[in-house]
């Protein structure tokens, strides 16, 4: 779906890497299995 809107392969790879990056919490990197669903308020 992203490739339909963004034609530049370098940009699509960069976005893919950013979306798959882990999260550092308390000095440890974790890789969440799922993200926050779109159009849903977070628990902040």
PDB file of N, CA and C in Angstrom:
ATOM      1  N   UNK A   1       0.821  -1.186   0.000  1.00  0.00           N
ATOM      2  CA  UNK A   1       0.000   0.000   0.000  1.00  0.00           C
ATOM      3  C   UNK A   1       0.874   1.261   0.000  1.00  0.00           C
ATOM      4  N   UNK A   2       1.949   1.230   0.782  1.00  0.00           N
ATOM      5  CA  UNK A   2       2.850   2.378   0.824  1.00  0.00           C
ATOM      6  C   UNK A   2       3.488   2.614  -0.543  1.00  0.00           C
ATOM      7  N   UNK A   3       3.829   1.529  -1.239  1.00  0.00           N
ATOM      8  CA  UNK A   3       4.494   1.671  -2.532  1.00  0.00           C
ATOM      9  C   UNK A   3       3.586   2.293  -3.594  1.00  0.00           C
ATOM     10  N   UNK A   4       2.293   2.292  -3.369  1.00  0.00           N
ATOM     11  CA  UNK A   4       1.384   2.961  -4.300  1.00  0.00           C
ATOM     12  C   UNK A   4       1.459   4.478  -4.155  1.00  0.00           C
ATOM     13  N   UNK A   5       1.806   4.938  -2.956  1.00  0.00           N
ATOM     14  CA  UNK A   5       1.859   6.382  -2.704  1.00  0.00           C
ATOM     15  C   UNK A   5       3.268   6.949  -2.808  1.00  0.00           C
ATOM     16  N   UNK A   6       4.285   6.142  -2.462  1.00  0.00           N
ATOM     17  CA  UNK A   6       5.684   6.596  -2.476  1.00  0.00           C
ATOM     18  C   UNK A   6       6.431   5.778  -3.515  1.00  0.00           C
ATOM     19  N   UNK A   7       6.971   6.436  -4.520  1.00  0.00           N
ATOM     20  CA  UNK A   7       7.652   5.746  -5.624  1.00  0.00           C
ATOM     21  C   UNK A   7       9.134   5.496  -5.353  1.00  0.00           C
ATOM     22  N   UNK A   8       9.740   6.271  -4.471  1.00  0.00           N
ATOM     23  CA  UNK A   8      11.176   6.177  -4.223  1.00  0.00           C
ATOM     24  C   UNK A   8      11.479   4.967  -3.336  1.00  0.00           C
ATOM     25  N   UNK A   9      12.224   4.000  -3.866  1.00  0.00           N
ATOM     26  CA  UNK A   9      12.550   2.783  -3.131  1.00  0.00           C
ATOM     27  C   UNK A   9      13.367   3.030  -1.882  1.00  0.00           C
ATOM     28  N   UNK A  10      14.256   4.029  -1.919  1.00  0.00           N
ATOM     29  CA  UNK A  10      15.079   4.348  -0.750  1.00  0.00           C
ATOM     30  C   UNK A  10      14.175   4.803   0.397  1.00  0.00           C
ATOM     31  N   UNK A  11      13.193   5.624   0.094  1.00  0.00           N
ATOM     32  CA  UNK A  11      12.275   6.133   1.122  1.00  0.00           C
ATOM     33  C   UNK A  11      11.409   5.005   1.668  1.00  0.00           C
ATOM     34  N   UNK A  12      10.906   4.122   0.803  1.00  0.00           N
ATOM     35  CA  UNK A  12      10.056   3.033   1.289  1.00  0.00           C
ATOM     36  C   UNK A  12      10.843   2.075   2.184  1.00  0.00           C
ATOM     37  N   UNK A  13      12.117   1.801   1.851  1.00  0.00           N
ATOM     38  CA  UNK A  13      12.950   0.958   2.711  1.00  0.00           C
ATOM     39  C   UNK A  13      13.215   1.640   4.048  1.00  0.00           C
ATOM     40  N   UNK A  14      13.464   2.935   4.023  1.00  0.00           N
ATOM     41  CA  UNK A  14      13.705   3.683   5.254  1.00  0.00           C
ATOM     42  C   UNK A  14      12.472   3.652   6.160  1.00  0.00           C
ATOM     43  N   UNK A  15      11.304   3.852   5.587  1.00  0.00           N
ATOM     44  CA  UNK A  15      10.061   3.805   6.365  1.00  0.00           C
ATOM     45  C   UNK A  15       9.850   2.396   6.923  1.00  0.00           C
ATOM     46  N   UNK A  16      10.125   1.370   6.127  1.00  0.00           N
ATOM     47  CA  UNK A  16       9.994  -0.005   6.597  1.00  0.00           C
ATOM     48  C   UNK A  16      10.905  -0.305   7.767  1.00  0.00           C
ATOM     49  N   UNK A  17      12.148   0.144   7.698  1.00  0.00           N
ATOM     50  CA  UNK A  17      13.087  -0.056   8.807  1.00  0.00           C
ATOM     51  C   UNK A  17      12.629   0.680  10.051  1.00  0.00           C
ATOM     52  N   UNK A  18      12.117   1.883   9.877  1.00  0.00           N
ATOM     53  CA  UNK A  18      11.635   2.677  11.014  1.00  0.00           C
ATOM     54  C   UNK A  18      10.445   1.989  11.674  1.00  0.00           C
ATOM     55  N   UNK A  19       9.545   1.435  10.879  1.00  0.00           N
ATOM     56  CA  UNK A  19       8.369   0.761  11.427  1.00  0.00           C
ATOM     57  C   UNK A  19       8.731  -0.541  12.148  1.00  0.00           C
ATOM     58  N   UNK A  20       9.811  -1.193  11.726  1.00  0.00           N
ATOM     59  CA  UNK A  20      10.224  -2.460  12.339  1.00  0.00           C
ATOM     60  C   UNK A  20      11.250  -2.289  13.449  1.00  0.00           C
ATOM     61  N   UNK A  21      11.650  -1.069  13.736  1.00  0.00           N
ATOM     62  CA  UNK A  21      12.664  -0.812  14.761  1.00  0.00           C
ATOM     63  C   UNK A  21      12.127  -1.166  16.141  1.00  0.00           C
ATOM     64  N   UNK A  22      13.008  -1.570  17.017  1.00  0.00           N
ATOM     65  CA  UNK A  22      12.628  -1.893  18.392  1.00  0.00           C
ATOM     66  C   UNK A  22      12.464  -0.636  19.230  1.00  0.00           C
ATOM     67  N   UNK A  23      12.026  -0.850  20.454  1.00  0.00           N
ATOM     68  CA  UNK A  23      11.798   0.241  21.398  1.00  0.00           C
ATOM     69  C   UNK A  23      12.720   0.024  22.590  1.00  0.00           C
ATOM     70  N   UNK A  24      13.457   1.072  23.008  1.00  0.00           N
ATOM     71  CA  UNK A  24      14.332   0.935  24.156  1.00  0.00           C
ATOM     72  C   UNK A  24      13.585   1.368  25.407  1.00  0.00           C
ATOM     73  N   UNK A  25      13.448   0.428  26.335  1.00  0.00           N
ATOM     74  CA  UNK A  25      12.798   0.681  27.615  1.00  0.00           C
ATOM     75  C   UNK A  25      13.709   0.194  28.725  1.00  0.00           C
ATOM     76  N   UNK A  26      14.066   1.080  29.619  1.00  0.00           N
ATOM     77  CA  UNK A  26      14.910   0.760  30.771  1.00  0.00           C
ATOM     78  C   UNK A  26      16.194   0.043  30.333  1.00  0.00           C
ATOM     79  N   UNK A  27      16.799   0.546  29.288  1.00  0.00           N
ATOM     80  CA  UNK A  27      18.073   0.018  28.816  1.00  0.00           C
ATOM     81  C   UNK A  27      18.001  -1.267  28.012  1.00  0.00           C
ATOM     82  N   UNK A  28      16.818  -1.788  27.757  1.00  0.00           N
ATOM     83  CA  UNK A  28      16.674  -3.018  26.976  1.00  0.00           C
ATOM     84  C   UNK A  28      15.822  -2.753  25.743  1.00  0.00           C
ATOM     85  N   UNK A  29      16.244  -3.307  24.615  1.00  0.00           N
ATOM     86  CA  UNK A  29      15.496  -3.127  23.374  1.00  0.00           C
ATOM     87  C   UNK A  29      14.445  -4.224  23.265  1.00  0.00           C
ATOM     88  N   UNK A  30      13.197  -3.831  23.028  1.00  0.00           N
ATOM     89  CA  UNK A  30      12.118  -4.791  22.831  1.00  0.00           C
ATOM     90  C   UNK A  30      11.517  -4.572  21.453  1.00  0.00           C
ATOM     91  N   UNK A  31      10.967  -5.617  20.892  1.00  0.00           N
ATOM     92  CA  UNK A  31      10.305  -5.551  19.593  1.00  0.00           C
ATOM     93  C   UNK A  31       8.847  -5.933  19.805  1.00  0.00           C
ATOM     94  N   UNK A  32       7.955  -4.941  19.879  1.00  0.00           N
ATOM     95  CA  UNK A  32       6.543  -5.248  20.105  1.00  0.00           C
ATOM     96  C   UNK A  32       5.965  -6.107  18.980  1.00  0.00           C
ATOM     97  N   UNK A  33       5.090  -7.035  19.339  1.00  0.00           N
ATOM     98  CA  UNK A  33       4.450  -7.901  18.348  1.00  0.00           C
ATOM     99  C   UNK A  33       3.404  -7.157  17.539  1.00  0.00           C
ATOM    100  N   UNK A  34       2.771  -6.174  18.156  1.00  0.00           N
ATOM    101  CA  UNK A  34       1.754  -5.409  17.442  1.00  0.00           C
ATOM    102  C   UNK A  34       1.806  -3.963  17.927  1.00  0.00           C
ATOM    103  N   UNK A  35       1.330  -3.078  17.095  1.00  0.00           N
ATOM    104  CA  UNK A  35       1.334  -1.663  17.432  1.00  0.00           C
ATOM    105  C   UNK A  35      -0.031  -1.197  17.901  1.00  0.00           C
ATOM    106  N   UNK A  36      -0.144   0.080  18.119  1.00  0.00           N
ATOM    107  CA  UNK A  36      -1.425   0.657  18.487  1.00  0.00           C
ATOM    108  C   UNK A  36      -2.307   0.695  17.249  1.00  0.00           C
ATOM    109  N   UNK A  37      -3.519   0.190  17.325  1.00  0.00           N
ATOM    110  CA  UNK A  37      -4.400   0.218  16.155  1.00  0.00           C
ATOM    111  C   UNK A  37      -4.666   1.648  15.688  1.00  0.00           C
ATOM    112  N   UNK A  38      -4.801   1.829  14.402  1.00  0.00           N
ATOM    113  CA  UNK A  38      -5.058   3.153  13.849  1.00  0.00           C
ATOM    114  C   UNK A  38      -6.416   3.681  14.320  1.00  0.00           C
ATOM    115  N   UNK A  39      -6.487   4.974  14.455  1.00  0.00           N
ATOM    116  CA  UNK A  39      -7.722   5.650  14.847  1.00  0.00           C
ATOM    117  C   UNK A  39      -8.228   5.264  16.226  1.00  0.00           C
ATOM    118  N   UNK A  40      -7.322   4.892  17.099  1.00  0.00           N
ATOM    119  CA  UNK A  40      -7.710   4.550  18.458  1.00  0.00           C
ATOM    120  C   UNK A  40      -6.877   5.395  19.406  1.00  0.00           C
ATOM    121  N   UNK A  41      -7.490   5.953  20.420  1.00  0.00           N
ATOM    122  CA  UNK A  41      -6.758   6.791  21.361  1.00  0.00           C
ATOM    123  C   UNK A  41      -5.823   5.927  22.192  1.00  0.00           C
ATOM    124  N   UNK A  42      -4.600   6.406  22.412  1.00  0.00           N
ATOM    125  CA  UNK A  42      -3.660   5.671  23.244  1.00  0.00           C
ATOM    126  C   UNK A  42      -4.033   5.871  24.711  1.00  0.00           C
ATOM    127  N   UNK A  43      -3.407   5.105  25.589  1.00  0.00           N
ATOM    128  CA  UNK A  43      -3.758   5.144  27.004  1.00  0.00           C
ATOM    129  C   UNK A  43      -2.996   6.212  27.777  1.00  0.00           C
ATOM    130  N   UNK A  44      -2.597   7.274  27.137  1.00  0.00           N
ATOM    131  CA  UNK A  44      -1.864   8.350  27.816  1.00  0.00           C
ATOM    132  C   UNK A  44      -2.720   9.124  28.748  1.00  0.00           C
TER     133      UNK A  44
END
